[in-house]
Amino acid sequence: MPGPAADGTPCAPVGRSTGGGGLLVIGDVVTDVVARHATALVRGTDTTARIRTLPGGAGANVACWAVRSGCPDVRLLARVGSDSAAWHRDALRRAGVRCLLAVDDEAPTATVVALVDSGAERTFLTDSGAVLRLSPGDWSPSMLDGIGHLHVSGYLLFAATSRATALLALREARRRRITVSVDPASAGFLAETGVDRFLSFVEGADLLLPNEDEARLLTGVCEPVDAAVKLSHQVPRVVVTLGGGGALLAAGGTVTARAPAVPVPGAVDSTGAGDAFTGGFLAARLSGADDASALAAGCRSGAEAVARVGARPGP
């Protein structure tokens, strides 16, 4: 696969040194087409909707929310198509994220159509585009210089080329004793890949951040508390997000912290709420917060996300 060189030009000043406490996110940049429909979809004809095209992508969203939550040094490695690279770079720059973007001249930027119903629940149609073409040639160990934590979007683990890149980064982070987290990303893609395969890919990670559905799928256990406990025997720390139920953290076979959801009377769009939680949680942990405080910070970010359209924080 041809590998256009990564654009290492910072999208924004990295900010003051954090003493090795920066965050590197390796993941996806996506063009989101968000269609909010107040009535049920009617097959074969029109359904009225409010439609917006916005920057998104799980990895990029996490990076933006981490900046929003106070992390001064956030970097993002991802692959985008030349069709919209400038637009995405500008959006990330304005959010305060330092871009390490590989620009692909052969595949377009990934696109996700998010169908959001009247209850703010979303259904995705996904065209992965350039995302899964992130290649080992786009990666450099120097990207971890000054980094205190590596976060990997699980979408990259669902295709051979991007998986090889993510695993290179994970191994280098472990060699440097940099902590690593992984977001499983998609229950649908997890089912296609296979639970055992996925868990073998994340071996060596310090933290796994599934939502309730992903935790059930990864364990075969229906109760999210029991699923988190079971998973924490395979990955040292597991955070399970529960939507309106808040979030919980398990470590070494025990639930060690919980946080309630922040009420959002005017929820409009749940797209990116999990990414917002992850960005808020990781920023809090990097600033020295304990588990309970970090869970609460993540829930606050998630609540902010569902009160607005789109997956990124506002101005």
C-alpha atoms as a PDB file:
ATOM      1  CA  MET A   1       0.000   0.000   0.000  1.00  0.00           C
ATOM      2  CA  PRO A   2       1.424   3.407  -0.846  1.00  0.00           C
ATOM      3  CA  GLY A   3       2.132   5.371   2.280  1.00  0.00           C
ATOM      4  CA  PRO A   4       2.105   9.141   1.946  1.00  0.00           C
ATOM      5  CA  ALA A   5       4.280  10.710   4.596  1.00  0.00           C
ATOM      6  CA  ALA A   6       2.675  11.746   7.872  1.00  0.00           C
ATOM      7  CA  ASP A   7       2.176  15.446   8.321  1.00  0.00           C
ATOM      8  CA  GLY A   8       4.000  16.080  11.574  1.00  0.00           C
ATOM      9  CA  THR A   9       3.287  19.805  11.627  1.00  0.00           C
ATOM     10  CA  PRO A  10       1.574  20.659  14.916  1.00  0.00           C
ATOM     11  CA  CYS A  11      -2.044  21.711  14.495  1.00  0.00           C
ATOM     12  CA  ALA A  12      -1.625  23.869  17.579  1.00  0.00           C
ATOM     13  CA  PRO A  13       1.108  24.619  20.111  1.00  0.00           C
ATOM     14  CA  VAL A  14       1.514  21.623  22.372  1.00  0.00           C
ATOM     15  CA  GLY A  15       1.605  23.822  25.465  1.00  0.00           C
ATOM     16  CA  ARG A  16       3.810  23.682  28.507  1.00  0.00           C
ATOM     17  CA  SER A  17       5.713  20.536  29.371  1.00  0.00           C
ATOM     18  CA  THR A  18       3.781  18.071  31.483  1.00  0.00           C
ATOM     19  CA  GLY A  19       6.867  16.245  32.689  1.00  0.00           C
ATOM     20  CA  GLY A  20       6.152  13.239  30.493  1.00  0.00           C
ATOM     21  CA  GLY A  21       2.403  13.466  31.089  1.00  0.00           C
ATOM     22  CA  GLY A  22       1.148  14.033  27.548  1.00  0.00           C
ATOM     23  CA  LEU A  23      -1.487  11.915  25.815  1.00  0.00           C
ATOM     24  CA  LEU A  24      -0.999  10.247  22.433  1.00  0.00           C
ATOM     25  CA  VAL A  25      -4.152   8.961  20.762  1.00  0.00           C
ATOM     26  CA  ILE A  26      -3.847   6.569  17.827  1.00  0.00           C
ATOM     27  CA  GLY A  27      -7.156   6.227  16.084  1.00  0.00           C
ATOM     28  CA  ASP A  28      -9.524   7.578  13.507  1.00  0.00           C
ATOM     29  CA  VAL A  29     -10.600  10.843  11.935  1.00  0.00           C
ATOM     30  CA  VAL A  30     -14.055  10.642  10.377  1.00  0.00           C
ATOM     31  CA  THR A  31     -16.503  12.868   8.581  1.00  0.00           C
ATOM     32  CA  ASP A  32     -19.788  12.464  10.469  1.00  0.00           C
ATOM     33  CA  VAL A  33     -23.107  12.988   8.703  1.00  0.00           C
ATOM     34  CA  VAL A  34     -25.558  13.329  11.590  1.00  0.00           C
ATOM     35  CA  ALA A  35     -29.235  12.886  10.673  1.00  0.00           C
ATOM     36  CA  ARG A  36     -31.650  13.588  13.529  1.00  0.00           C
ATOM     37  CA  HIS A  37     -35.161  12.290  12.849  1.00  0.00           C
ATOM     38  CA  ALA A  38     -38.072  12.832  15.230  1.00  0.00           C
ATOM     39  CA  THR A  39     -40.241  10.099  13.736  1.00  0.00           C
ATOM     40  CA  ALA A  40     -39.551   6.492  12.822  1.00  0.00           C
ATOM     41  CA  LEU A  41     -37.798   5.865   9.513  1.00  0.00           C
ATOM     42  CA  VAL A  42     -40.272   4.966   6.776  1.00  0.00           C
ATOM     43  CA  ARG A  43     -38.914   2.476   4.261  1.00  0.00           C
ATOM     44  CA  GLY A  44     -39.145   3.467   0.601  1.00  0.00           C
ATOM     45  CA  THR A  45     -40.019   7.126   1.085  1.00  0.00           C
ATOM     46  CA  ASP A  46     -38.978  10.346   2.826  1.00  0.00           C
ATOM     47  CA  THR A  47     -38.476  10.910   6.528  1.00  0.00           C
ATOM     48  CA  THR A  48     -37.965  14.491   7.669  1.00  0.00           C
ATOM     49  CA  ALA A  49     -34.602  15.009   9.370  1.00  0.00           C
ATOM     50  CA  ARG A  50     -32.170  17.694  10.453  1.00  0.00           C
ATOM     51  CA  ILE A  51     -28.812  16.868   8.868  1.00  0.00           C
ATOM     52  CA  ARG A  52     -25.349  18.238   9.623  1.00  0.00           C
ATOM     53  CA  THR A  53     -21.866  17.313   8.410  1.00  0.00           C
ATOM     54  CA  LEU A  54     -19.333  17.492  11.248  1.00  0.00           C
ATOM     55  CA  PRO A  55     -15.806  16.316  12.091  1.00  0.00           C
ATOM     56  CA  GLY A  56     -15.723  13.131  14.144  1.00  0.00           C
ATOM     57  CA  GLY A  57     -13.986   9.804  14.641  1.00  0.00           C
ATOM     58  CA  ALA A  58     -13.530   8.022  17.968  1.00  0.00           C
ATOM     59  CA  GLY A  59      -9.814   8.739  18.281  1.00  0.00           C
ATOM     60  CA  ALA A  60     -10.126  12.358  17.213  1.00  0.00           C
ATOM     61  CA  ASN A  61     -13.095  12.878  19.525  1.00  0.00           C
ATOM     62  CA  VAL A  62     -11.199  11.486  22.515  1.00  0.00           C
ATOM     63  CA  ALA A  63      -8.279  13.799  21.751  1.00  0.00           C
ATOM     64  CA  CYS A  64     -10.535  16.872  21.535  1.00  0.00           C
ATOM     65  CA  TRP A  65     -12.360  16.046  24.762  1.00  0.00           C
ATOM     66  CA  ALA A  66      -9.054  15.442  26.558  1.00  0.00           C
ATOM     67  CA  VAL A  67      -7.961  18.959  25.602  1.00  0.00           C
ATOM     68  CA  ARG A  68     -11.360  20.293  26.674  1.00  0.00           C
ATOM     69  CA  SER A  69     -10.862  18.557  30.028  1.00  0.00           C
ATOM     70  CA  GLY A  70      -7.545  20.264  30.686  1.00  0.00           C
ATOM     71  CA  CYS A  71      -4.836  18.028  29.233  1.00  0.00           C
ATOM     72  CA  PRO A  72      -2.298  20.491  27.760  1.00  0.00           C
ATOM     73  CA  ASP A  73      -0.398  18.064  25.498  1.00  0.00           C
ATOM     74  CA  VAL A  74      -2.632  15.898  23.316  1.00  0.00           C
ATOM     75  CA  ARG A  75      -1.424  14.370  20.049  1.00  0.00           C
ATOM     76  CA  LEU A  76      -3.332  12.386  17.452  1.00  0.00           C
ATOM     77  CA  LEU A  77      -2.003   9.908  14.896  1.00  0.00           C
ATOM     78  CA  ALA A  78      -4.566   9.024  12.228  1.00  0.00           C
ATOM     79  CA  ARG A  79      -4.943   8.630   8.480  1.00  0.00           C
ATOM     80  CA  VAL A  80      -7.211  10.833   6.382  1.00  0.00           C
ATOM     81  CA  GLY A  81      -7.989  11.223   2.705  1.00  0.00           C
ATOM     82  CA  SER A  82      -6.630  14.190   0.805  1.00  0.00           C
ATOM     83  CA  ASP A  83     -10.251  15.047  -0.025  1.00  0.00           C
ATOM     84  CA  SER A  84     -10.857  16.601   3.393  1.00  0.00           C
ATOM     85  CA  ALA A  85      -7.482  16.627   5.151  1.00  0.00           C
ATOM     86  CA  ALA A  86      -7.305  20.422   5.369  1.00  0.00           C
ATOM     87  CA  TRP A  87     -10.797  20.692   6.866  1.00  0.00           C
ATOM     88  CA  HIS A  88     -10.077  18.067   9.518  1.00  0.00           C
ATOM     89  CA  ARG A  89      -6.650  19.513  10.301  1.00  0.00           C
ATOM     90  CA  ASP A  90      -8.188  22.933  10.861  1.00  0.00           C
ATOM     91  CA  ALA A  91     -10.895  21.528  13.160  1.00  0.00           C
ATOM     92  CA  LEU A  92      -8.315  19.697  15.245  1.00  0.00           C
ATOM     93  CA  ARG A  93      -6.063  22.748  15.382  1.00  0.00           C
ATOM     94  CA  ARG A  94      -8.917  24.874  16.683  1.00  0.00           C
ATOM     95  CA  ALA A  95      -9.630  22.214  19.327  1.00  0.00           C
ATOM     96  CA  GLY A  96      -6.009  22.394  20.527  1.00  0.00           C
ATOM     97  CA  VAL A  97      -4.894  18.948  19.316  1.00  0.00           C
ATOM     98  CA  ARG A  98      -1.456  18.379  17.817  1.00  0.00           C
ATOM     99  CA  CYS A  99      -1.926  16.474  14.549  1.00  0.00           C
ATOM    100  CA  LEU A 100       0.235  13.660  13.265  1.00  0.00           C
ATOM    101  CA  LEU A 101      -1.877  13.009  10.186  1.00  0.00           C
ATOM    102  CA  ALA A 102      -0.974  10.666   7.353  1.00  0.00           C
ATOM    103  CA  VAL A 103      -2.652  11.951   4.180  1.00  0.00           C
ATOM    104  CA  ASP A 104      -3.892   9.295   1.759  1.00  0.00           C
ATOM    105  CA  ASP A 105      -4.246  10.162  -1.943  1.00  0.00           C
ATOM    106  CA  GLU A 106      -6.000   6.894  -2.810  1.00  0.00           C
ATOM    107  CA  ALA A 107      -8.727   6.453  -0.191  1.00  0.00           C
ATOM    108  CA  PRO A 108     -11.140   9.123   1.046  1.00  0.00           C
ATOM    109  CA  THR A 109     -11.521  10.112   4.672  1.00  0.00           C
ATOM    110  CA  ALA A 110     -13.767   7.712   6.557  1.00  0.00           C
ATOM    111  CA  THR A 111     -17.444   8.652   6.663  1.00  0.00           C
ATOM    112  CA  VAL A 112     -20.084   7.684   9.211  1.00  0.00           C
ATOM    113  CA  VAL A 113     -23.786   8.355   8.773  1.00  0.00           C
ATOM    114  CA  ALA A 114     -25.313   8.624  12.264  1.00  0.00           C
ATOM    115  CA  LEU A 115     -29.075   8.175  12.383  1.00  0.00           C
ATOM    116  CA  VAL A 116     -30.203   9.750  15.658  1.00  0.00           C
ATOM    117  CA  ASP A 117     -33.746   9.101  16.850  1.00  0.00           C
ATOM    118  CA  SER A 118     -35.998  11.166  19.113  1.00  0.00           C
ATOM    119  CA  GLY A 119     -34.498   9.512  22.190  1.00  0.00           C
ATOM    120  CA  ALA A 120     -30.966  10.650  21.168  1.00  0.00           C
ATOM    121  CA  GLU A 121     -29.971   7.027  20.439  1.00  0.00           C
ATOM    122  CA  ARG A 122     -27.878   6.540  17.314  1.00  0.00           C
ATOM    123  CA  THR A 123     -27.371   3.907  14.623  1.00  0.00           C
ATOM    124  CA  PHE A 124     -24.264   4.056  12.448  1.00  0.00           C
ATOM    125  CA  LEU A 125     -23.533   3.357   8.792  1.00  0.00           C
ATOM    126  CA  THR A 126     -19.757   3.224   8.419  1.00  0.00           C
ATOM    127  CA  ASP A 127     -17.381   3.589   5.463  1.00  0.00           C
ATOM    128  CA  SER A 128     -13.903   3.142   6.948  1.00  0.00           C
ATOM    129  CA  GLY A 129     -12.104   4.810   4.037  1.00  0.00           C
ATOM    130  CA  ALA A 130      -8.535   5.746   4.921  1.00  0.00           C
ATOM    131  CA  VAL A 131      -8.831   4.865   8.641  1.00  0.00           C
ATOM    132  CA  LEU A 132      -7.874   1.210   8.341  1.00  0.00           C
ATOM    133  CA  ARG A 133      -4.994   2.046   5.962  1.00  0.00           C
ATOM    134  CA  LEU A 134      -2.947   3.560   8.793  1.00  0.00           C
ATOM    135  CA  SER A 135       0.312   1.739   8.175  1.00  0.00           C
ATOM    136  CA  PRO A 136       3.541   1.003  10.071  1.00  0.00           C
ATOM    137  CA  GLY A 137       5.233   3.559   7.818  1.00  0.00           C
ATOM    138  CA  ASP A 138       2.995   6.240   9.363  1.00  0.00           C
ATOM    139  CA  TRP A 139       4.305   5.395  12.829  1.00  0.00           C
ATOM    140  CA  SER A 140       7.499   6.522  14.551  1.00  0.00           C
ATOM    141  CA  PRO A 141       8.570   5.654  18.126  1.00  0.00           C
ATOM    142  CA  SER A 142       9.517   9.318  18.557  1.00  0.00           C
ATOM    143  CA  MET A 143       5.777  10.086  18.669  1.00  0.00           C
ATOM    144  CA  LEU A 144       5.880   8.759  22.236  1.00  0.00           C
ATOM    145  CA  ASP A 145       8.562  11.215  23.366  1.00  0.00           C
ATOM    146  CA  GLY A 146       7.180  13.163  26.315  1.00  0.00           C
ATOM    147  CA  ILE A 147       4.050  11.030  26.482  1.00  0.00           C
ATOM    148  CA  GLY A 148       2.632   9.674  29.730  1.00  0.00           C
ATOM    149  CA  HIS A 149      -0.211   7.617  28.280  1.00  0.00           C
ATOM    150  CA  LEU A 150      -1.125   5.994  24.954  1.00  0.00           C
ATOM    151  CA  HIS A 151      -4.760   5.515  23.987  1.00  0.00           C
ATOM    152  CA  VAL A 152      -5.701   3.259  21.057  1.00  0.00           C
ATOM    153  CA  SER A 153      -9.051   3.326  19.286  1.00  0.00           C
ATOM    154  CA  GLY A 154     -10.197  -0.255  18.865  1.00  0.00           C
ATOM    155  CA  TYR A 155     -11.389   0.418  15.310  1.00  0.00           C
ATOM    156  CA  LEU A 156      -7.767   0.059  14.218  1.00  0.00           C
ATOM    157  CA  LEU A 157      -7.675  -3.521  15.508  1.00  0.00           C
ATOM    158  CA  PHE A 158     -10.331  -4.700  13.055  1.00  0.00           C
ATOM    159  CA  ALA A 159      -8.097  -4.686   9.920  1.00  0.00           C
ATOM    160  CA  ALA A 160      -4.620  -6.125   9.361  1.00  0.00           C
ATOM    161  CA  THR A 161      -2.719  -2.995   8.280  1.00  0.00           C
ATOM    162  CA  SER A 162      -4.014  -0.624  10.944  1.00  0.00           C
ATOM    163  CA  ARG A 163      -3.805  -3.383  13.556  1.00  0.00           C
ATOM    164  CA  ALA A 164      -0.106  -3.893  12.815  1.00  0.00           C
ATOM    165  CA  THR A 165       0.446  -0.173  13.348  1.00  0.00           C
ATOM    166  CA  ALA A 166      -1.510  -0.059  16.604  1.00  0.00           C
ATOM    167  CA  LEU A 167       0.323  -3.085  17.974  1.00  0.00           C
ATOM    168  CA  LEU A 168       3.695  -1.544  17.094  1.00  0.00           C
ATOM    169  CA  ALA A 169       2.742   1.487  19.150  1.00  0.00           C
ATOM    170  CA  LEU A 170       1.431  -0.623  22.015  1.00  0.00           C
ATOM    171  CA  ARG A 171       4.636  -2.670  22.186  1.00  0.00           C
ATOM    172  CA  GLU A 172       6.829   0.440  22.135  1.00  0.00           C
ATOM    173  CA  ALA A 173       4.738   2.052  24.860  1.00  0.00           C
ATOM    174  CA  ARG A 174       5.089  -1.035  27.026  1.00  0.00           C
ATOM    175  CA  ARG A 175       8.837  -1.088  26.393  1.00  0.00           C
ATOM    176  CA  ARG A 176       9.008   2.507  27.662  1.00  0.00           C
ATOM    177  CA  ARG A 177       6.679   1.718  30.583  1.00  0.00           C
ATOM    178  CA  ILE A 178       4.051   4.089  29.267  1.00  0.00           C
ATOM    179  CA  THR A 179       0.529   3.083  30.266  1.00  0.00           C
ATOM    180  CA  VAL A 180      -1.876   2.040  27.510  1.00  0.00           C
ATOM    181  CA  SER A 181      -5.665   2.087  27.197  1.00  0.00           C
ATOM    182  CA  VAL A 182      -7.882   0.605  24.492  1.00  0.00           C
ATOM    183  CA  ASP A 183     -11.481   1.402  23.578  1.00  0.00           C
ATOM    184  CA  PRO A 184     -13.138  -1.697  22.017  1.00  0.00           C
ATOM    185  CA  ALA A 185     -15.069   0.757  19.794  1.00  0.00           C
ATOM    186  CA  SER A 186     -17.824  -1.380  18.248  1.00  0.00           C
ATOM    187  CA  ALA A 187     -19.839  -4.373  19.402  1.00  0.00           C
ATOM    188  CA  GLY A 188     -20.649  -5.129  15.766  1.00  0.00           C
ATOM    189  CA  PHE A 189     -17.025  -5.219  14.633  1.00  0.00           C
ATOM    190  CA  LEU A 190     -16.048  -7.102  17.817  1.00  0.00           C
ATOM    191  CA  ALA A 191     -18.509  -9.840  16.945  1.00  0.00           C
ATOM    192  CA  GLU A 192     -17.070 -10.116  13.433  1.00  0.00           C
ATOM    193  CA  THR A 193     -13.467 -10.223  14.680  1.00  0.00           C
ATOM    194  CA  GLY A 194     -14.092 -12.650  17.535  1.00  0.00           C
ATOM    195  CA  VAL A 195     -13.717 -12.043  21.252  1.00  0.00           C
ATOM    196  CA  ASP A 196     -10.664 -14.247  21.774  1.00  0.00           C
ATOM    197  CA  ARG A 197      -8.813 -12.618  18.882  1.00  0.00           C
ATOM    198  CA  PHE A 198      -9.604  -9.146  20.135  1.00  0.00           C
ATOM    199  CA  LEU A 199      -8.466  -9.930  23.674  1.00  0.00           C
ATOM    200  CA  SER A 200      -5.219 -11.328  22.292  1.00  0.00           C
ATOM    201  CA  PHE A 201      -4.654  -8.030  20.450  1.00  0.00           C
ATOM    202  CA  VAL A 202      -5.028  -5.962  23.637  1.00  0.00           C
ATOM    203  CA  GLU A 203      -2.774  -8.166  25.744  1.00  0.00           C
ATOM    204  CA  GLY A 204      -0.401  -5.863  27.606  1.00  0.00           C
ATOM    205  CA  ALA A 205      -2.838  -2.966  27.821  1.00  0.00           C
ATOM    206  CA  ASP A 206      -3.357  -1.454  31.270  1.00  0.00           C
ATOM    207  CA  LEU A 207      -6.923  -0.223  30.801  1.00  0.00           C
ATOM    208  CA  LEU A 208      -9.915  -1.306  28.728  1.00  0.00           C
ATOM    209  CA  LEU A 209     -12.885   1.046  28.240  1.00  0.00           C
ATOM    210  CA  PRO A 210     -15.896  -0.889  26.871  1.00  0.00           C
ATOM    211  CA  ASN A 211     -19.472   0.268  26.975  1.00  0.00           C
ATOM    212  CA  GLU A 212     -22.127  -2.000  28.445  1.00  0.00           C
ATOM    213  CA  ASP A 213     -22.833  -3.896  25.209  1.00  0.00           C
ATOM    214  CA  GLU A 214     -19.146  -4.423  24.468  1.00  0.00           C
ATOM    215  CA  ALA A 215     -18.476  -5.653  28.017  1.00  0.00           C
ATOM    216  CA  ARG A 216     -21.280  -8.204  27.686  1.00  0.00           C
ATOM    217  CA  LEU A 217     -19.958  -9.393  24.349  1.00  0.00           C
ATOM    218  CA  LEU A 218     -16.374  -9.666  25.609  1.00  0.00           C
ATOM    219  CA  THR A 219     -17.387 -11.794  28.593  1.00  0.00           C
ATOM    220  CA  GLY A 220     -20.682 -13.489  27.772  1.00  0.00           C
ATOM    221  CA  VAL A 221     -21.970 -12.051  31.070  1.00  0.00           C
ATOM    222  CA  CYS A 222     -25.191 -10.011  31.085  1.00  0.00           C
ATOM    223  CA  GLU A 223     -24.737  -8.017  34.301  1.00  0.00           C
ATOM    224  CA  PRO A 224     -22.256  -5.161  33.620  1.00  0.00           C
ATOM    225  CA  VAL A 225     -20.754  -5.293  37.123  1.00  0.00           C
ATOM    226  CA  ASP A 226     -19.982  -8.998  36.717  1.00  0.00           C
ATOM    227  CA  ALA A 227     -18.686  -8.385  33.200  1.00  0.00           C
ATOM    228  CA  ALA A 228     -16.322  -5.672  34.442  1.00  0.00           C
ATOM    229  CA  VAL A 229     -15.067  -7.928  37.230  1.00  0.00           C
ATOM    230  CA  LYS A 230     -14.460 -10.797  34.818  1.00  0.00           C
ATOM    231  CA  LEU A 231     -12.643  -8.589  32.315  1.00  0.00           C
ATOM    232  CA  SER A 232     -10.405  -7.175  35.054  1.00  0.00           C
ATOM    233  CA  HIS A 233      -8.843 -10.608  35.426  1.00  0.00           C
ATOM    234  CA  GLN A 234      -7.574 -10.246  31.834  1.00  0.00           C
ATOM    235  CA  VAL A 235      -6.812  -6.505  31.693  1.00  0.00           C
ATOM    236  CA  PRO A 236      -5.627  -4.912  34.968  1.00  0.00           C
ATOM    237  CA  ARG A 237      -8.212  -2.111  34.974  1.00  0.00           C
ATOM    238  CA  VAL A 238     -11.589  -1.985  33.247  1.00  0.00           C
ATOM    239  CA  VAL A 239     -13.957   0.973  33.005  1.00  0.00           C
ATOM    240  CA  VAL A 240     -17.479   0.166  31.801  1.00  0.00           C
ATOM    241  CA  THR A 241     -19.690   3.051  30.723  1.00  0.00           C
ATOM    242  CA  LEU A 242     -23.383   2.517  31.421  1.00  0.00           C
ATOM    243  CA  GLY A 243     -25.079   5.397  29.622  1.00  0.00           C
ATOM    244  CA  GLY A 244     -27.705   6.751  31.996  1.00  0.00           C
ATOM    245  CA  GLY A 245     -26.299   4.462  34.702  1.00  0.00           C
ATOM    246  CA  GLY A 246     -22.974   6.286  34.903  1.00  0.00           C
ATOM    247  CA  ALA A 247     -19.743   4.282  34.936  1.00  0.00           C
ATOM    248  CA  LEU A 248     -17.823   1.836  37.073  1.00  0.00           C
ATOM    249  CA  LEU A 249     -14.211   0.717  37.383  1.00  0.00           C
ATOM    250  CA  ALA A 250     -12.984  -2.769  38.239  1.00  0.00           C
ATOM    251  CA  ALA A 251      -9.415  -3.788  39.058  1.00  0.00           C
ATOM    252  CA  GLY A 252      -8.064  -7.204  39.947  1.00  0.00           C
ATOM    253  CA  GLY A 253     -11.499  -8.783  40.150  1.00  0.00           C
ATOM    254  CA  THR A 254     -13.134  -6.104  42.324  1.00  0.00           C
ATOM    255  CA  VAL A 255     -15.254  -3.048  41.558  1.00  0.00           C
ATOM    256  CA  THR A 256     -13.227  -0.207  43.084  1.00  0.00           C
ATOM    257  CA  ALA A 257     -15.110   2.923  42.002  1.00  0.00           C
ATOM    258  CA  ARG A 258     -18.453   4.071  40.625  1.00  0.00           C
ATOM    259  CA  ALA A 259     -19.865   7.358  39.385  1.00  0.00           C
ATOM    260  CA  PRO A 260     -23.470   8.287  38.588  1.00  0.00           C
ATOM    261  CA  ALA A 261     -24.440   9.829  35.279  1.00  0.00           C
ATOM    262  CA  VAL A 262     -24.914  13.587  35.178  1.00  0.00           C
ATOM    263  CA  PRO A 263     -28.590  14.287  34.365  1.00  0.00           C
ATOM    264  CA  VAL A 264     -29.140  15.888  30.949  1.00  0.00           C
ATOM    265  CA  PRO A 265     -32.770  17.007  30.584  1.00  0.00           C
ATOM    266  CA  GLY A 266     -32.239  18.199  27.020  1.00  0.00           C
ATOM    267  CA  ALA A 267     -30.254  15.277  25.538  1.00  0.00           C
ATOM    268  CA  VAL A 268     -30.205  15.596  21.753  1.00  0.00           C
ATOM    269  CA  ASP A 269     -27.458  13.345  20.397  1.00  0.00           C
ATOM    270  CA  SER A 270     -25.529  10.501  22.028  1.00  0.00           C
ATOM    271  CA  THR A 271     -22.987  10.366  19.185  1.00  0.00           C
ATOM    272  CA  GLY A 272     -19.522  10.535  20.730  1.00  0.00           C
ATOM    273  CA  ALA A 273     -20.692  10.415  24.360  1.00  0.00           C
ATOM    274  CA  GLY A 274     -18.400   7.466  25.078  1.00  0.00           C
ATOM    275  CA  ASP A 275     -15.470   9.250  23.440  1.00  0.00           C
ATOM    276  CA  ALA A 276     -16.199  12.326  25.550  1.00  0.00           C
ATOM    277  CA  PHE A 277     -16.192  10.157  28.675  1.00  0.00           C
ATOM    278  CA  THR A 278     -12.856   8.629  27.698  1.00  0.00           C
ATOM    279  CA  GLY A 279     -11.248  12.011  27.002  1.00  0.00           C
ATOM    280  CA  GLY A 280     -12.462  13.421  30.316  1.00  0.00           C
ATOM    281  CA  PHE A 281     -11.439  10.305  32.248  1.00  0.00           C
ATOM    282  CA  LEU A 282      -7.931  10.126  30.760  1.00  0.00           C
ATOM    283  CA  ALA A 283      -7.292  13.850  31.229  1.00  0.00           C
ATOM    284  CA  ALA A 284      -8.290  13.555  34.883  1.00  0.00           C
ATOM    285  CA  ARG A 285      -6.061  10.531  35.455  1.00  0.00           C
ATOM    286  CA  LEU A 286      -3.117  12.266  33.805  1.00  0.00           C
ATOM    287  CA  SER A 287      -3.631  15.231  36.130  1.00  0.00           C
ATOM    288  CA  GLY A 288      -3.382  12.932  39.156  1.00  0.00           C
ATOM    289  CA  ALA A 289      -7.078  12.358  39.954  1.00  0.00           C
ATOM    290  CA  ASP A 290      -8.099   9.168  41.734  1.00  0.00           C
ATOM    291  CA  ASP A 291     -10.385   6.629  40.095  1.00  0.00           C
ATOM    292  CA  ALA A 292     -13.653   7.972  41.491  1.00  0.00           C
ATOM    293  CA  SER A 293     -12.801  11.562  40.555  1.00  0.00           C
ATOM    294  CA  ALA A 294     -11.720  10.490  37.067  1.00  0.00           C
ATOM    295  CA  LEU A 295     -14.978   8.569  36.558  1.00  0.00           C
ATOM    296  CA  ALA A 296     -16.926  11.653  37.624  1.00  0.00           C
ATOM    297  CA  ALA A 297     -14.915  13.820  35.210  1.00  0.00           C
ATOM    298  CA  GLY A 298     -15.682  11.387  32.406  1.00  0.00           C
ATOM    299  CA  CYS A 299     -19.400  11.451  33.211  1.00  0.00           C
ATOM    300  CA  ARG A 300     -19.399  15.249  33.127  1.00  0.00           C
ATOM    301  CA  SER A 301     -17.827  15.222  29.669  1.00  0.00           C
ATOM    302  CA  GLY A 302     -20.302  12.600  28.476  1.00  0.00           C
ATOM    303  CA  ALA A 303     -23.204  14.719  29.712  1.00  0.00           C
ATOM    304  CA  GLU A 304     -21.853  17.753  27.887  1.00  0.00           C
ATOM    305  CA  ALA A 305     -21.591  15.686  24.717  1.00  0.00           C
ATOM    306  CA  VAL A 306     -25.184  14.450  24.663  1.00  0.00           C
ATOM    307  CA  ALA A 307     -26.521  17.981  25.158  1.00  0.00           C
ATOM    308  CA  ARG A 308     -25.176  19.085  21.752  1.00  0.00           C
ATOM    309  CA  VAL A 309     -25.275  17.810  18.175  1.00  0.00           C
ATOM    310  CA  GLY A 310     -22.092  16.080  17.057  1.00  0.00           C
ATOM    311  CA  ALA A 311     -19.287  14.236  18.788  1.00  0.00           C
ATOM    312  CA  ARG A 312     -16.865  17.073  19.593  1.00  0.00           C
ATOM    313  CA  PRO A 313     -16.902  19.767  22.296  1.00  0.00           C
ATOM    314  CA  GLY A 314     -18.197  23.182  21.332  1.00  0.00           C
ATOM    315  CA  PRO A 315     -16.178  26.409  21.075  1.00  0.00           C
END
